[in-house]
Amino acid sequence: MLYQRSSALFSEAKKVIPGGVNSPVRAFKAVGGDPIFIEKAKGAYLYDVDGNRFIDYIASWGPLILGHAYDPVVDAVTEKAKKGTSFGIPTEIETELASLAVSMVPGIDKIRFVNSGTEACMSAVRLARGFSGRDKIVKFAGCYHGHADAFLIQAGSGAVTFGSPNSPGVTRGTAKDTLLARYNDLESVRTLIQANENEIAAVIIEPVAGNMGCIPPHETFIRGLRQLCTEAGILLIFDEVMTGFRLAAGGAQEVLGIKADILAFGKVIGGGLPVGAFAARAEIMDYLAPEGPVYQAGTLSGNPLAMSAGLAMLSALNNDREVFQRLAEKTEYLHRGLAACLEKAAIDHHINRMGSMISIHFSSAQVIDFDSAAKGNNDKFKRYFHGMLREGIYLPPSAFESYFLNDALSYEDLDRTIEALGNIISEI
């Protein structure tokens, strides 16, 4: 495939946009080479500016669960845009989408819309701190909750030490209130709770990790985490920006059978437009301004375009809940086909999967947390990524990202993907 126009556009972009991209993973730094620039998309396919077509496995990093340019979403946004794009004043559609979301997700009474997953997680933590009167939070190595200062923290020298910033611009004052635990390791959480008794407001976690590849939680871990939080009076926050309305109508909570205290949403709830949300039972949500003392605001929050896209998307999912099973079956089919190719070639690998999320790790060991994910062979991943790209398969350009399947993918598309891996297997 030729990418001449994409390369030229990337050179131009770097002159006026830092790194040439507006989100770092798009720059292909993790895999090398120049990114491709997309002109349009429809269904399961991306079309770049050089006329190449790709089977898409990122679905705009998750929200396009029914495929690109899904007609009901496009129609809803188009009609709403004709009446105005934003007012900064309440509209009826905000309540319609809120009511539908609350009816689909267990354990929540109220929801507030924001403009991104970062905003949702940031606001969820602020609400937890305001409600509990405590300052510290626990997060997990490898879980990404957006780029708010409190989340850009790496571990100190031991499990009980304060974190330190791992991005310039994040102050040590902020870092000292973020404690780092290990995913799928309940003892690391227990140690932190014991060392910081009555100081921890919340534990925030991706219930199914998607930012170190797809890593499902051990059942004993996620149930034990719920119990620890309940016993210590700590609020459990599920970051369901990726998993909400994707793994099931009720998200990871429904699949895992665990109820969190606060949920953060994004992706699917906006149908492809910028959106986020956080939700909880009324007792917690009523701490938000204007009813309560915890302040949070946004001029474009609940804007009619995002709300119309989200309402069309969630309505479609609510009316056809079999879509989640169809997607899980397609993902399992892809898993088996890819695994067969890799096993036949005797290439060390481990594939993680849950629902419509999946990732390949070029490692012989099971991948259960950030440390085990980091042991994967990145050189093999780079060759795999670029080989698949040449074959017309667009995968996440990082070994630390989950794939997201969409319902527009046909079994012919899945077979073509498996065939593509067979064509390049000798290069890996």
Protein backbone atom coordinates (compact mmCIF):
# COMPACT_ATOMS: atom_id res chain seq x y z
CA MET A 1 0.00 0.00 0.00
CA LEU A 2 1.08 3.57 -0.67
CA TYR A 3 0.78 6.27 1.97
CA GLN A 4 2.30 9.22 0.12
CA ARG A 5 -0.47 11.71 0.86
CA SER A 6 -0.68 10.61 4.50
CA SER A 7 3.06 11.16 4.90
CA ALA A 8 2.80 14.61 3.33
CA LEU A 9 -0.12 15.55 5.57
CA PHE A 10 1.80 14.35 8.64
CA SER A 11 4.74 16.58 7.72
CA GLU A 12 2.41 19.55 7.40
CA ALA A 13 0.65 18.72 10.67
CA LYS A 14 3.91 18.65 12.62
CA LYS A 15 4.48 22.29 11.71
CA VAL A 16 1.37 23.48 13.54
CA ILE A 17 0.33 20.64 15.92
CA PRO A 18 2.67 19.24 18.62
CA GLY A 19 3.95 15.93 17.25
CA GLY A 20 1.53 16.30 14.37
CA VAL A 21 -1.34 14.76 16.34
CA ASN A 22 -3.93 15.75 18.91
CA SER A 23 -3.57 12.56 20.96
CA PRO A 24 -0.13 10.91 21.31
CA VAL A 25 -0.92 7.29 20.34
CA ARG A 26 -1.95 8.47 16.85
CA ALA A 27 1.64 9.44 16.02
CA PHE A 28 2.77 5.76 15.64
CA LYS A 29 5.70 6.38 18.02
CA ALA A 30 5.16 2.95 19.58
CA VAL A 31 5.32 1.13 16.24
CA GLY A 32 7.43 3.41 14.04
CA GLY A 33 6.64 4.99 10.71
CA ASP A 34 4.14 7.70 9.88
CA PRO A 35 0.43 7.53 10.76
CA ILE A 36 -2.19 7.21 8.08
CA PHE A 37 -4.73 10.01 7.66
CA ILE A 38 -8.37 8.98 7.31
CA GLU A 39 -10.72 10.59 4.81
CA LYS A 40 -13.94 8.70 5.60
CA ALA A 41 -15.36 5.55 7.15
CA LYS A 42 -18.46 3.41 6.83
CA GLY A 43 -19.51 0.29 8.67
CA ALA A 44 -16.45 -1.81 9.46
CA TYR A 45 -14.11 0.04 7.10
CA LEU A 46 -11.75 3.00 7.13
CA TYR A 47 -10.65 4.77 3.93
CA ASP A 48 -7.46 6.82 4.01
CA VAL A 49 -6.47 9.84 1.93
CA ASP A 50 -4.42 7.60 -0.40
CA GLY A 51 -7.46 5.52 -1.34
CA ASN A 52 -6.61 2.49 0.81
CA ARG A 53 -9.34 0.56 2.63
CA PHE A 54 -8.82 -1.01 6.06
CA ILE A 55 -10.86 -3.35 8.22
CA ASP A 56 -11.07 -1.38 11.46
CA TYR A 57 -10.42 -2.83 14.91
CA ILE A 58 -10.36 0.33 17.00
CA ALA A 59 -13.83 1.77 16.27
CA SER A 60 -12.61 5.24 17.28
CA TRP A 61 -11.22 3.58 20.44
CA GLY A 62 -14.53 1.99 21.34
CA PRO A 63 -17.60 4.18 20.82
CA LEU A 64 -18.62 3.01 17.36
CA ILE A 65 -20.04 -0.27 18.61
CA LEU A 66 -22.48 -0.46 15.66
CA GLY A 67 -19.95 0.64 13.04
CA HIS A 68 -18.87 3.88 11.42
CA ALA A 69 -21.45 6.39 10.16
CA TYR A 70 -24.29 4.38 11.66
CA ASP A 71 -27.35 5.80 9.91
CA PRO A 72 -29.61 6.47 12.94
CA VAL A 73 -26.79 8.38 14.68
CA VAL A 74 -25.90 10.38 11.57
CA ASP A 75 -29.56 11.22 10.95
CA ALA A 76 -30.12 12.26 14.58
CA VAL A 77 -27.08 14.55 14.62
CA THR A 78 -27.91 16.05 11.24
CA GLU A 79 -31.47 16.91 12.24
CA LYS A 80 -30.41 18.29 15.61
CA ALA A 81 -27.64 20.44 14.06
CA LYS A 82 -30.23 22.18 11.89
CA LYS A 83 -31.81 23.52 15.10
CA GLY A 84 -28.57 24.71 16.64
CA THR A 85 -25.36 23.11 17.88
CA SER A 86 -25.14 24.42 21.43
CA PHE A 87 -27.11 26.71 23.73
CA GLY A 88 -25.58 26.53 27.20
CA ILE A 89 -29.21 26.26 28.36
CA PRO A 90 -31.13 23.07 29.35
CA THR A 91 -32.71 20.96 26.62
CA GLU A 92 -35.21 18.12 26.83
CA ILE A 93 -32.91 15.61 25.15
CA GLU A 94 -30.50 15.73 28.10
CA THR A 95 -33.21 14.31 30.35
CA GLU A 96 -34.19 11.72 27.72
CA LEU A 97 -30.65 10.36 27.47
CA ALA A 98 -30.13 10.52 31.23
CA SER A 99 -33.35 8.57 31.85
CA LEU A 100 -32.40 5.90 29.34
CA ALA A 101 -28.87 5.51 30.75
CA VAL A 102 -30.16 5.26 34.33
CA SER A 103 -32.67 2.60 33.26
CA MET A 104 -29.95 0.49 31.61
CA VAL A 105 -27.25 0.60 34.30
CA PRO A 106 -27.69 -1.09 37.69
CA GLY A 107 -27.21 0.87 40.89
CA ILE A 108 -27.41 4.46 39.63
CA ASP A 109 -30.13 7.06 40.21
CA LYS A 110 -28.65 10.16 38.60
CA ILE A 111 -26.08 10.97 35.93
CA ARG A 112 -24.27 14.13 34.86
CA PHE A 113 -22.88 14.64 31.36
CA VAL A 114 -19.47 16.12 30.62
CA ASN A 115 -17.36 16.28 27.46
CA SER A 116 -14.73 13.55 27.83
CA GLY A 117 -13.70 10.48 29.77
CA THR A 118 -10.96 12.52 31.44
CA GLU A 119 -13.57 14.98 32.73
CA ALA A 120 -15.78 12.14 33.90
CA CYS A 121 -13.04 10.43 35.92
CA MET A 122 -11.69 13.71 37.29
CA SER A 123 -15.18 14.75 38.41
CA ALA A 124 -15.92 11.32 39.89
CA VAL A 125 -12.82 11.58 42.08
CA ARG A 126 -13.67 15.13 43.17
CA LEU A 127 -17.18 14.00 44.06
CA ALA A 128 -15.81 11.04 46.04
CA ARG A 129 -13.48 13.33 47.97
CA GLY A 130 -16.24 15.83 48.69
CA PHE A 131 -18.70 13.15 49.77
CA SER A 132 -16.23 11.26 51.99
CA GLY A 133 -14.28 14.19 53.39
CA ARG A 134 -11.04 12.33 52.61
CA ASP A 135 -8.20 13.29 50.24
CA LYS A 136 -6.34 10.23 48.98
CA ILE A 137 -7.20 7.90 46.13
CA VAL A 138 -5.90 4.53 45.00
CA LYS A 139 -5.33 3.79 41.32
CA PHE A 140 -3.75 0.82 39.58
CA ALA A 141 -0.54 0.70 37.55
CA GLY A 142 -1.43 0.45 33.88
CA CYS A 143 -5.00 1.71 34.25
CA TYR A 144 -5.58 4.98 32.40
CA HIS A 145 -8.25 7.39 33.56
CA GLY A 146 -7.45 10.35 31.37
CA HIS A 147 -4.80 13.02 31.68
CA ALA A 148 -5.94 14.84 34.83
CA ASP A 149 -3.00 15.48 37.17
CA ALA A 150 -4.11 13.02 39.85
CA PHE A 151 -3.98 10.11 37.38
CA LEU A 152 -0.50 10.69 35.90
CA ILE A 153 1.32 9.05 38.76
CA GLN A 154 3.86 6.25 38.90
CA ALA A 155 4.87 4.08 41.85
CA GLY A 156 7.29 5.06 44.57
CA SER A 157 9.89 2.69 46.00
CA GLY A 158 7.37 0.43 47.69
CA ALA A 159 3.70 -0.43 47.92
CA VAL A 160 3.05 2.02 50.73
CA THR A 161 5.09 4.98 49.56
CA PHE A 162 3.57 8.07 48.04
CA GLY A 163 3.49 8.22 44.27
CA SER A 164 5.62 10.60 42.25
CA PRO A 165 4.65 12.44 39.07
CA ASN A 166 5.54 10.75 35.79
CA SER A 167 4.69 13.78 33.64
CA PRO A 168 6.24 17.24 33.92
CA GLY A 169 3.61 19.70 35.05
CA VAL A 170 2.17 17.38 37.71
CA THR A 171 3.14 18.67 41.14
CA ARG A 172 4.41 16.53 43.99
CA GLY A 173 1.62 18.02 46.08
CA THR A 174 -0.88 16.39 43.76
CA ALA A 175 1.09 13.14 43.56
CA LYS A 176 1.20 12.63 47.32
CA ASP A 177 -2.55 11.98 47.42
CA THR A 178 -2.46 9.26 44.73
CA LEU A 179 -1.48 5.77 45.88
CA LEU A 180 -0.56 3.08 43.38
CA ALA A 181 -1.66 -0.56 43.58
CA ARG A 182 -1.16 -3.54 41.27
CA TYR A 183 -4.04 -4.73 39.09
CA ASN A 184 -5.34 -8.20 40.00
CA ASP A 185 -3.40 -8.01 43.30
CA LEU A 186 -5.78 -7.59 46.23
CA GLU A 187 -3.00 -7.65 48.82
CA SER A 188 -1.41 -4.52 47.33
CA VAL A 189 -4.71 -2.71 47.89
CA ARG A 190 -5.12 -4.05 51.41
CA THR A 191 -1.59 -2.86 52.28
CA LEU A 192 -2.36 0.65 51.10
CA ILE A 193 -5.64 0.79 53.00
CA GLN A 194 -3.99 -0.36 56.22
CA ALA A 195 -1.17 2.17 55.86
CA ASN A 196 -3.58 5.03 55.16
CA GLU A 197 -6.46 4.27 57.52
CA ASN A 198 -9.42 6.66 57.20
CA GLU A 199 -7.56 8.77 54.61
CA ILE A 200 -8.61 7.15 51.32
CA ALA A 201 -11.68 8.61 49.61
CA ALA A 202 -11.87 6.27 46.63
CA VAL A 203 -10.38 3.41 44.69
CA ILE A 204 -10.65 3.99 40.94
CA ILE A 205 -10.21 1.13 38.49
CA GLU A 206 -10.90 0.03 34.95
CA PRO A 207 -13.03 -3.02 35.85
CA VAL A 208 -11.74 -4.60 32.64
CA ALA A 209 -8.42 -3.00 31.82
CA GLY A 210 -8.01 -1.70 28.28
CA ASN A 211 -4.89 0.43 28.47
CA MET A 212 -2.32 -2.31 28.97
CA GLY A 213 -4.01 -4.41 26.37
CA CYS A 214 -7.25 -6.09 27.37
CA ILE A 215 -6.86 -7.59 30.87
CA PRO A 216 -9.94 -9.02 32.58
CA PRO A 217 -10.01 -9.00 36.39
CA HIS A 218 -9.75 -12.17 38.42
CA GLU A 219 -13.14 -12.83 40.01
CA THR A 220 -11.66 -13.03 43.50
CA PHE A 221 -9.84 -9.73 42.92
CA ILE A 222 -12.82 -7.66 41.86
CA ARG A 223 -15.12 -9.16 44.52
CA GLY A 224 -12.45 -8.73 47.16
CA LEU A 225 -11.94 -5.12 46.10
CA ARG A 226 -15.63 -4.41 46.58
CA GLN A 227 -15.50 -5.94 50.05
CA LEU A 228 -12.36 -4.03 51.07
CA CYS A 229 -13.89 -0.73 50.01
CA THR A 230 -17.15 -1.43 51.83
CA GLU A 231 -15.37 -2.39 55.05
CA ALA A 232 -13.10 0.70 54.99
CA GLY A 233 -15.82 3.19 54.00
CA ILE A 234 -14.06 3.84 50.68
CA LEU A 235 -16.00 4.64 47.51
CA LEU A 236 -15.34 2.26 44.63
CA ILE A 237 -15.21 4.02 41.25
CA PHE A 238 -15.52 1.97 38.06
CA ASP A 239 -14.04 3.75 35.07
CA GLU A 240 -16.41 2.35 32.45
CA VAL A 241 -15.37 4.80 29.75
CA MET A 242 -14.43 1.79 27.60
CA THR A 243 -16.66 -0.93 29.01
CA GLY A 244 -19.89 1.00 29.62
CA PHE A 245 -22.64 0.02 27.15
CA ARG A 246 -20.04 -2.12 25.29
CA LEU A 247 -19.68 -5.29 27.34
CA ALA A 248 -23.41 -5.32 28.12
CA ALA A 249 -26.32 -2.93 28.41
CA GLY A 250 -25.30 -2.45 32.05
CA GLY A 251 -21.58 -2.46 31.31
CA ALA A 252 -18.94 -4.27 33.34
CA GLN A 253 -21.10 -4.05 36.46
CA GLU A 254 -23.65 -6.31 34.79
CA VAL A 255 -21.07 -8.75 33.44
CA LEU A 256 -19.08 -8.99 36.68
CA GLY A 257 -22.05 -8.88 39.03
CA ILE A 258 -20.40 -6.13 41.09
CA LYS A 259 -21.85 -2.72 41.88
CA ALA A 260 -19.51 0.26 42.18
CA ASP A 261 -20.39 3.42 44.10
CA ILE A 262 -19.59 5.84 41.27
CA LEU A 263 -19.33 5.13 37.53
CA ALA A 264 -17.54 7.09 34.83
CA PHE A 265 -18.73 6.78 31.23
CA GLY A 266 -17.67 7.99 27.80
CA LYS A 267 -17.21 6.51 24.32
CA VAL A 268 -20.44 4.63 23.45
CA ILE A 269 -22.68 7.03 25.37
CA GLY A 270 -21.84 9.74 22.82
CA GLY A 271 -22.24 7.62 19.71
CA GLY A 272 -18.90 8.88 18.38
CA LEU A 273 -19.18 12.51 19.50
CA PRO A 274 -17.13 13.95 22.38
CA VAL A 275 -18.92 13.06 25.61
CA GLY A 276 -18.44 11.71 29.08
CA ALA A 277 -20.62 11.19 32.14
CA PHE A 278 -20.45 10.15 35.77
CA ALA A 279 -23.23 8.58 37.79
CA ALA A 280 -24.08 7.22 41.22
CA ARG A 281 -26.94 6.77 43.64
CA ALA A 282 -28.84 9.93 44.56
CA GLU A 283 -27.22 10.26 47.98
CA ILE A 284 -23.82 10.78 46.33
CA MET A 285 -24.90 12.72 43.25
CA ASP A 286 -26.82 15.24 45.34
CA TYR A 287 -23.46 16.47 46.67
CA LEU A 288 -22.93 18.11 43.28
CA ALA A 289 -23.64 21.79 42.67
CA PRO A 290 -26.16 23.32 42.43
CA GLU A 291 -27.72 21.01 45.04
CA GLY A 292 -24.54 20.32 46.98
CA PRO A 293 -21.12 21.81 47.73
CA VAL A 294 -19.00 19.93 45.16
CA TYR A 295 -18.55 22.18 42.14
CA GLN A 296 -18.44 20.91 38.56
CA ALA A 297 -19.52 22.70 35.39
CA GLY A 298 -19.08 22.81 31.61
CA THR A 299 -20.44 25.12 28.93
CA LEU A 300 -20.74 22.34 26.36
CA SER A 301 -21.80 19.61 28.79
CA GLY A 302 -25.00 17.98 27.53
CA ASN A 303 -24.79 19.77 24.19
CA PRO A 304 -27.60 18.72 21.83
CA LEU A 305 -25.37 17.12 19.18
CA ALA A 306 -23.68 14.73 21.62
CA MET A 307 -26.98 14.02 23.36
CA SER A 308 -28.75 13.21 20.08
CA ALA A 309 -25.94 10.88 19.01
CA GLY A 310 -25.92 9.19 22.41
CA LEU A 311 -29.69 8.78 22.50
CA ALA A 312 -29.71 7.18 19.04
CA MET A 313 -26.86 4.83 19.98
CA LEU A 314 -28.18 3.77 23.38
CA SER A 315 -31.70 3.35 22.02
CA ALA A 316 -30.40 0.99 19.35
CA LEU A 317 -28.44 -1.03 21.91
CA ASN A 318 -31.34 -1.11 24.36
CA ASN A 319 -33.70 -2.35 21.65
CA ASP A 320 -31.31 -5.05 20.42
CA ARG A 321 -29.50 -6.42 23.45
CA GLU A 322 -28.47 -9.50 21.47
CA VAL A 323 -25.80 -7.28 19.89
CA PHE A 324 -23.55 -7.88 22.91
CA GLN A 325 -23.69 -11.64 22.44
CA ARG A 326 -23.12 -11.31 18.68
CA LEU A 327 -20.04 -9.21 19.33
CA ALA A 328 -18.72 -11.62 21.97
CA GLU A 329 -19.15 -14.51 19.52
CA LYS A 330 -17.33 -12.63 16.76
CA THR A 331 -14.51 -11.79 19.16
CA GLU A 332 -14.19 -15.42 20.22
CA TYR A 333 -14.11 -16.47 16.55
CA LEU A 334 -11.32 -13.98 15.85
CA HIS A 335 -9.45 -15.12 18.96
CA ARG A 336 -9.49 -18.76 17.84
CA GLY A 337 -8.39 -17.95 14.32
CA LEU A 338 -5.51 -15.69 15.35
CA ALA A 339 -4.38 -18.14 18.03
CA ALA A 340 -4.35 -21.01 15.53
CA CYS A 341 -2.04 -19.05 13.20
CA LEU A 342 0.35 -18.10 16.00
CA GLU A 343 0.39 -21.60 17.48
CA LYS A 344 1.08 -23.19 14.10
CA ALA A 345 4.07 -20.86 13.69
CA ALA A 346 5.21 -21.56 17.28
CA ILE A 347 5.22 -17.86 18.14
CA ASP A 348 5.02 -17.10 21.83
CA HIS A 349 1.81 -15.25 22.54
CA HIS A 350 -1.03 -14.78 24.96
CA ILE A 351 -4.45 -13.52 23.90
CA ASN A 352 -6.76 -11.81 26.39
CA ARG A 353 -10.43 -11.33 25.62
CA MET A 354 -13.64 -10.19 27.27
CA GLY A 355 -16.82 -9.43 25.37
CA SER A 356 -15.87 -7.37 22.31
CA MET A 357 -12.44 -6.40 23.68
CA ILE A 358 -9.33 -8.42 22.75
CA SER A 359 -5.56 -8.04 22.54
CA ILE A 360 -2.53 -10.08 21.53
CA HIS A 361 0.54 -10.05 23.78
CA PHE A 362 3.74 -11.51 22.32
CA SER A 363 4.68 -13.25 25.53
CA SER A 364 4.62 -16.85 26.70
CA ALA A 365 3.36 -15.86 30.15
CA GLN A 366 -0.16 -14.92 31.11
CA VAL A 367 -0.77 -11.18 31.11
CA ILE A 368 -2.57 -10.17 34.31
CA ASP A 369 -1.21 -6.70 35.14
CA PHE A 370 1.03 -3.91 33.86
CA ASP A 371 4.30 -5.65 34.74
CA SER A 372 3.40 -8.81 32.81
CA ALA A 373 2.06 -6.74 29.90
CA ALA A 374 5.34 -4.81 29.75
CA LYS A 375 7.28 -8.06 29.25
CA GLY A 376 5.78 -8.60 25.80
CA ASN A 377 8.08 -8.55 22.77
CA ASN A 378 7.49 -5.09 21.31
CA ASP A 379 9.66 -5.72 18.25
CA LYS A 380 7.39 -8.59 17.28
CA PHE A 381 4.38 -6.38 17.84
CA LYS A 382 5.81 -3.70 15.53
CA ARG A 383 6.34 -6.24 12.73
CA TYR A 384 2.89 -7.67 13.32
CA PHE A 385 1.25 -4.23 13.27
CA HIS A 386 2.89 -3.04 10.05
CA GLY A 387 2.39 -6.37 8.34
CA MET A 388 -1.31 -6.31 9.12
CA LEU A 389 -1.53 -2.68 8.01
CA ARG A 390 -0.11 -3.64 4.61
CA GLU A 391 -2.76 -6.34 4.43
CA GLY A 392 -5.50 -3.76 5.00
CA ILE A 393 -6.11 -4.42 8.71
CA TYR A 394 -6.05 -1.42 11.05
CA LEU A 395 -5.10 -2.38 14.61
CA PRO A 396 -4.28 -0.19 17.61
CA PRO A 397 -0.77 1.22 16.99
CA SER A 398 0.41 0.18 20.45
CA ALA A 399 0.90 -3.11 22.24
CA PHE A 400 -0.79 -1.56 25.28
CA GLU A 401 -4.20 -0.94 23.72
CA SER A 402 -7.24 -3.17 23.42
CA TYR A 403 -8.92 -3.88 20.09
CA PHE A 404 -12.62 -3.00 19.90
CA LEU A 405 -14.88 -4.95 17.57
CA ASN A 406 -17.98 -3.41 16.04
CA ASP A 407 -21.18 -5.11 14.91
CA ALA A 408 -20.67 -4.08 11.29
CA LEU A 409 -17.78 -6.56 11.07
CA SER A 410 -18.83 -9.63 9.09
CA TYR A 411 -17.44 -13.13 9.46
CA GLU A 412 -15.87 -12.57 6.04
CA ASP A 413 -14.01 -9.61 7.56
CA LEU A 414 -12.86 -11.79 10.44
CA ASP A 415 -11.70 -14.53 8.04
CA ARG A 416 -9.84 -11.93 5.99
CA THR A 417 -8.11 -10.74 9.18
CA ILE A 418 -7.08 -14.26 10.13
CA GLU A 419 -5.87 -14.84 6.55
CA ALA A 420 -3.86 -11.61 6.74
CA LEU A 421 -2.03 -12.87 9.82
CA GLY A 422 -1.25 -16.09 7.99
CA ASN A 423 0.20 -14.07 5.10
CA ILE A 424 2.64 -12.18 7.33
CA ILE A 425 3.35 -14.81 9.98
CA SER A 426 6.86 -15.47 8.66
CA GLU A 427 7.76 -11.78 9.19
CA ILE A 428 6.93 -11.84 12.90
